[in-house]
């Protein structure tokens, strides 16, 4: 399959690009930043300029898109630029796909939309129907992207999976994160004491592109279990100010963010397990 990966110079986008190529797909990386040396097929594209998007998709004859291109957090640029650029880029891309007949899209959202830095989860495990509490311009832009996906699915027949990624890190970054969380468990609460290996995030993107039928909607994507050797039910009780309802599907070690919807839809199963006492491929 011919697949365009936006944001291919970024942490997730680069890993997605490599995953797709290794799986035998023909991938084109596009980014506003120069390509990494190992992204062999790439174009410089500003996603806020619709003409550049049409040119890249049309020239490559794309069949699907994995859209990771965005300001990946608040604070990189002024807040108004974060919101404007992220929402404009996503709308531009969806419109170009609709016009060019590209119907399969995976689009990055974020678990920041839940706002667990400041808000207590109502229940665990947390599914995609949990209330949202965006705390910054980045989270607001991700919610706008999810809404745009629903609009283009309803009006143009696109299939768009919006991935609420949580705590995605390159393998080389995770051990240091675990050490920080061990030293201060309270610091781990807003990402639910969970980290996601970027290779698992890339697997999810590829699986959603490859599945026979993809249902438009939001999907949680994160690691399988918490990184601490502790009972997450105790952590939820200790580090949030109000009571979290513990549901039957929340055991001692599973990440409080449920990926069951993604598992059922396209077979997502995290393969890389990181904890303070072990690391292994599942």
Protein backbone atom coordinates (compact mmCIF):
# COMPACT_ATOMS: atom_id res chain seq x y z
CA UNK A 1 0.00 0.00 0.00
CA UNK A 2 1.15 3.55 -0.75
CA UNK A 3 1.01 5.44 2.55
CA UNK A 4 1.93 9.03 3.40
CA UNK A 5 3.22 9.64 6.92
CA UNK A 6 2.99 13.25 8.05
CA UNK A 7 5.35 14.40 10.80
CA UNK A 8 7.90 11.79 9.71
CA UNK A 9 10.75 13.65 11.42
CA UNK A 10 9.04 13.36 14.80
CA UNK A 11 9.28 10.70 17.48
CA UNK A 12 6.15 8.76 16.52
CA UNK A 13 6.09 9.65 12.82
CA UNK A 14 9.64 8.42 12.24
CA UNK A 15 8.87 5.12 13.99
CA UNK A 16 5.65 4.72 11.99
CA UNK A 17 7.53 5.32 8.74
CA UNK A 18 10.11 2.64 9.57
CA UNK A 19 7.41 0.21 10.66
CA UNK A 20 5.49 0.59 7.41
CA UNK A 21 8.59 0.19 5.25
CA UNK A 22 9.66 -2.89 7.20
CA UNK A 23 6.18 -4.36 6.64
CA UNK A 24 6.57 -3.95 2.88
CA UNK A 25 4.53 -0.81 2.31
CA UNK A 26 5.62 2.05 0.05
CA UNK A 27 5.82 5.03 2.42
CA UNK A 28 6.42 8.73 1.84
CA UNK A 29 7.46 10.86 4.80
CA UNK A 30 6.38 14.50 4.83
CA UNK A 31 7.37 17.11 7.38
CA UNK A 32 8.11 20.80 7.71
CA UNK A 33 11.48 19.78 9.16
CA UNK A 34 14.27 18.16 7.11
CA UNK A 35 14.00 14.40 6.90
CA UNK A 36 16.06 12.09 9.08
CA UNK A 37 18.83 10.30 7.17
CA UNK A 38 17.00 6.97 7.30
CA UNK A 39 13.75 8.38 5.89
CA UNK A 40 14.71 7.71 2.31
CA UNK A 41 11.53 8.87 0.59
CA UNK A 42 10.48 12.28 1.84
CA UNK A 43 9.17 15.73 0.98
CA UNK A 44 9.28 19.04 2.81
CA UNK A 45 5.61 19.97 3.27
CA UNK A 46 3.90 22.67 5.32
CA UNK A 47 0.56 21.15 6.28
CA UNK A 48 -0.99 24.57 6.84
CA UNK A 49 -0.64 25.21 3.08
CA UNK A 50 -3.27 23.13 1.36
CA UNK A 51 -1.60 23.28 -2.05
CA UNK A 52 1.47 21.53 -0.69
CA UNK A 53 -0.67 18.75 0.76
CA UNK A 54 -2.56 18.19 -2.51
CA UNK A 55 0.75 18.12 -4.36
CA UNK A 56 2.35 15.56 -2.04
CA UNK A 57 -0.66 13.23 -1.92
CA UNK A 58 -1.34 13.46 -5.63
CA UNK A 59 2.28 13.10 -6.73
CA UNK A 60 2.73 10.01 -4.56
CA UNK A 61 -0.69 8.54 -5.53
CA UNK A 62 -1.35 7.86 -1.85
CA UNK A 63 -3.85 5.20 -0.80
CA UNK A 64 -3.80 5.96 2.94
CA UNK A 65 -2.39 8.53 5.35
CA UNK A 66 -0.97 8.32 8.87
CA UNK A 67 -1.22 11.88 10.17
CA UNK A 68 1.29 12.52 12.95
CA UNK A 69 2.30 16.04 11.89
CA UNK A 70 1.55 18.70 14.52
CA UNK A 71 3.03 20.81 17.24
CA UNK A 72 3.22 17.84 19.60
CA UNK A 73 2.57 19.75 22.80
CA UNK A 74 1.87 23.23 24.07
CA UNK A 75 4.85 25.51 24.55
CA UNK A 76 6.79 24.90 21.34
CA UNK A 77 5.25 28.02 19.78
CA UNK A 78 2.72 30.59 20.97
CA UNK A 79 -0.57 29.06 22.06
CA UNK A 80 -2.58 30.63 19.26
CA UNK A 81 -0.12 29.20 16.73
CA UNK A 82 -0.33 25.72 18.28
CA UNK A 83 -4.11 25.69 17.98
CA UNK A 84 -4.27 27.36 14.57
CA UNK A 85 -1.55 25.27 12.93
CA UNK A 86 -2.75 21.94 14.32
CA UNK A 87 -6.39 22.45 13.43
CA UNK A 88 -5.64 23.97 10.02
CA UNK A 89 -3.22 21.18 9.12
CA UNK A 90 -5.68 18.47 10.09
CA UNK A 91 -8.62 20.03 8.25
CA UNK A 92 -6.49 20.67 5.16
CA UNK A 93 -5.31 17.08 5.12
CA UNK A 94 -8.79 15.60 5.55
CA UNK A 95 -10.17 17.85 2.80
CA UNK A 96 -7.38 16.87 0.40
CA UNK A 97 -7.98 13.18 1.13
CA UNK A 98 -11.72 13.61 0.50
CA UNK A 99 -11.09 15.36 -2.82
CA UNK A 100 -8.46 12.85 -3.95
CA UNK A 101 -10.40 9.74 -2.95
CA UNK A 102 -8.08 8.68 -0.10
CA UNK A 103 -10.47 7.14 2.41
CA UNK A 104 -8.24 5.53 5.08
CA UNK A 105 -6.61 7.83 7.65
CA UNK A 106 -5.03 7.37 11.06
CA UNK A 107 -4.78 10.70 12.85
CA UNK A 108 -2.93 11.55 16.06
CA UNK A 109 -4.91 12.79 19.01
CA UNK A 110 -3.75 12.65 22.62
CA UNK A 111 -4.75 11.37 26.04
CA UNK A 112 -4.14 14.94 27.20
CA UNK A 113 -7.79 15.51 26.26
CA UNK A 114 -8.74 13.74 29.52
CA UNK A 115 -6.86 16.29 31.65
CA UNK A 116 -5.61 13.89 34.32
CA UNK A 117 -2.87 16.27 35.37
CA UNK A 118 -5.54 18.30 37.19
CA UNK A 119 -8.69 16.15 37.15
CA UNK A 120 -9.38 12.86 38.89
CA UNK A 121 -10.52 10.01 36.61
CA UNK A 122 -14.15 9.18 37.25
CA UNK A 123 -13.41 5.48 36.85
CA UNK A 124 -10.74 2.98 35.86
CA UNK A 125 -10.20 1.42 33.47
CA UNK A 126 -10.74 4.56 31.41
CA UNK A 127 -12.48 4.04 28.08
CA UNK A 128 -13.06 6.49 25.25
CA UNK A 129 -16.41 7.68 26.63
CA UNK A 130 -14.78 9.19 29.72
CA UNK A 131 -15.44 12.96 30.11
CA UNK A 132 -12.83 15.28 28.60
CA UNK A 133 -11.04 18.09 30.41
CA UNK A 134 -8.60 19.79 28.01
CA UNK A 135 -6.07 21.86 29.95
CA UNK A 136 -4.20 23.65 27.18
CA UNK A 137 -4.27 24.78 23.56
CA UNK A 138 -2.73 21.50 22.38
CA UNK A 139 -5.46 19.35 23.94
CA UNK A 140 -8.09 21.70 22.53
CA UNK A 141 -6.58 21.29 19.05
CA UNK A 142 -6.68 17.50 19.41
CA UNK A 143 -10.39 17.59 20.29
CA UNK A 144 -11.00 19.78 17.24
CA UNK A 145 -9.18 17.19 15.12
CA UNK A 146 -11.39 14.41 16.46
CA UNK A 147 -14.46 16.48 15.62
CA UNK A 148 -13.16 17.16 12.10
CA UNK A 149 -12.65 13.42 11.63
CA UNK A 150 -16.30 12.77 12.46
CA UNK A 151 -17.37 15.53 10.07
CA UNK A 152 -15.38 14.13 7.15
CA UNK A 153 -16.49 10.59 7.90
CA UNK A 154 -20.16 11.62 7.93
CA UNK A 155 -20.04 13.89 4.89
CA UNK A 156 -17.34 12.41 2.65
CA UNK A 157 -17.23 8.72 3.57
CA UNK A 158 -13.71 8.71 5.01
CA UNK A 159 -12.63 6.17 7.63
CA UNK A 160 -10.58 8.05 10.23
CA UNK A 161 -9.19 6.59 13.45
CA UNK A 162 -8.19 9.29 15.95
CA UNK A 163 -5.58 7.84 18.30
CA UNK A 164 -5.45 9.16 21.86
CA UNK A 165 -1.79 8.35 22.43
CA UNK A 166 -0.51 8.41 26.01
CA UNK A 167 3.11 8.57 27.16
CA UNK A 168 4.75 7.54 23.89
CA UNK A 169 8.53 7.37 24.15
CA UNK A 170 11.39 5.95 22.12
CA UNK A 171 12.88 2.83 23.76
CA UNK A 172 16.01 4.81 24.64
CA UNK A 173 13.92 7.26 26.70
CA UNK A 174 11.78 4.95 28.81
CA UNK A 175 14.25 3.76 31.42
CA UNK A 176 14.99 7.32 32.53
CA UNK A 177 11.26 8.03 32.77
CA UNK A 178 10.79 4.99 34.97
CA UNK A 179 13.56 6.12 37.31
CA UNK A 180 11.90 9.52 37.66
CA UNK A 181 8.53 7.96 38.44
CA UNK A 182 10.11 5.60 40.99
CA UNK A 183 11.69 8.60 42.74
CA UNK A 184 8.41 10.55 42.77
CA UNK A 185 5.32 8.36 42.14
CA UNK A 186 3.06 11.42 42.29
CA UNK A 187 4.70 12.68 39.10
CA UNK A 188 3.43 9.64 37.23
CA UNK A 189 -0.24 10.23 37.80
CA UNK A 190 -1.10 12.42 34.80
CA UNK A 191 0.13 9.69 32.44
CA UNK A 192 -1.38 6.99 34.66
CA UNK A 193 2.07 5.55 35.56
CA UNK A 194 2.20 4.18 32.02
CA UNK A 195 4.60 4.53 29.11
CA UNK A 196 4.05 3.48 25.51
CA UNK A 197 6.93 2.14 23.46
CA UNK A 198 6.92 4.06 20.15
CA UNK A 199 7.17 0.73 18.34
CA UNK A 200 3.80 -0.28 19.79
CA UNK A 201 2.31 3.05 18.72
CA UNK A 202 3.64 2.41 15.21
CA UNK A 203 2.17 -1.10 15.20
CA UNK A 204 -1.23 0.39 16.05
CA UNK A 205 -0.99 2.81 13.13
CA UNK A 206 -0.06 0.07 10.68
CA UNK A 207 -2.76 -2.28 11.96
CA UNK A 208 -5.44 0.39 11.57
CA UNK A 209 -4.29 1.12 8.01
CA UNK A 210 -4.22 -2.57 7.07
CA UNK A 211 -7.48 -3.78 8.67
CA UNK A 212 -10.22 -4.68 6.18
CA UNK A 213 -12.76 -2.25 7.66
CA UNK A 214 -11.90 0.65 9.95
CA UNK A 215 -14.60 2.29 12.02
CA UNK A 216 -14.23 6.05 12.39
CA UNK A 217 -13.84 7.07 16.01
CA UNK A 218 -11.43 7.70 18.86
CA UNK A 219 -9.15 4.97 20.20
CA UNK A 220 -6.95 4.92 23.30
CA UNK A 221 -3.40 3.80 22.50
CA UNK A 222 -0.97 3.14 25.34
CA UNK A 223 1.25 0.54 26.98
CA UNK A 224 -0.23 -2.61 28.48
CA UNK A 225 0.72 -2.09 32.13
CA UNK A 226 2.05 0.42 34.60
CA UNK A 227 5.82 0.81 34.94
CA UNK A 228 5.96 0.59 38.74
CA UNK A 229 5.98 -2.66 40.73
CA UNK A 230 2.91 -1.53 42.66
CA UNK A 231 -0.84 -1.96 42.69
CA UNK A 232 -2.27 0.76 40.46
CA UNK A 233 -5.51 0.71 42.44
CA UNK A 234 -3.53 1.87 45.46
CA UNK A 235 -1.76 4.52 43.38
CA UNK A 236 -5.09 5.89 42.13
CA UNK A 237 -6.35 6.14 45.69
CA UNK A 238 -3.19 7.75 47.04
CA UNK A 239 -2.41 10.31 44.34
CA UNK A 240 -5.83 11.68 43.37
CA UNK A 241 -7.84 13.92 45.66
CA UNK A 242 -11.21 12.24 45.13
CA UNK A 243 -12.26 8.63 44.85
CA UNK A 244 -11.80 6.78 41.56
CA UNK A 245 -14.40 4.11 40.86
CA UNK A 246 -12.45 0.87 40.32
CA UNK A 247 -14.27 -1.26 37.80
CA UNK A 248 -13.97 -5.01 37.34
CA UNK A 249 -11.61 -4.78 34.36
CA UNK A 250 -8.98 -2.83 36.37
CA UNK A 251 -6.54 -5.21 38.04
CA UNK A 252 -3.32 -4.48 39.92
CA UNK A 253 -0.99 -3.86 36.98
CA UNK A 254 -2.96 -3.01 33.83
CA UNK A 255 -2.69 0.56 32.62
CA UNK A 256 -5.76 2.50 33.79
CA UNK A 257 -6.22 3.65 30.18
CA UNK A 258 -8.08 0.86 28.40
CA UNK A 259 -7.15 -0.03 24.82
CA UNK A 260 -9.85 -2.68 24.51
CA UNK A 261 -11.64 -0.77 21.74
CA UNK A 262 -8.46 -0.71 19.63
CA UNK A 263 -7.86 -4.41 20.31
CA UNK A 264 -11.31 -5.32 19.05
CA UNK A 265 -11.21 -2.95 16.06
CA UNK A 266 -7.82 -3.80 14.57
CA UNK A 267 -5.97 -6.15 16.90
CA UNK A 268 -3.82 -3.75 18.89
CA UNK A 269 -1.77 -5.64 21.48
CA UNK A 270 1.29 -3.88 22.99
CA UNK A 271 4.37 -6.07 22.50
CA UNK A 272 6.93 -4.18 24.57
CA UNK A 273 6.63 -4.35 28.35
CA UNK A 274 8.53 -1.84 30.48
CA UNK A 275 8.53 -1.88 34.29
CA UNK A 276 11.04 -0.97 36.99
CA UNK A 277 12.06 -4.63 37.26
CA UNK A 278 11.83 -5.92 33.71
CA UNK A 279 11.80 -5.18 30.04
CA UNK A 280 10.82 -7.72 27.47
CA UNK A 281 9.03 -8.23 24.18
CA UNK A 282 5.60 -9.73 24.76
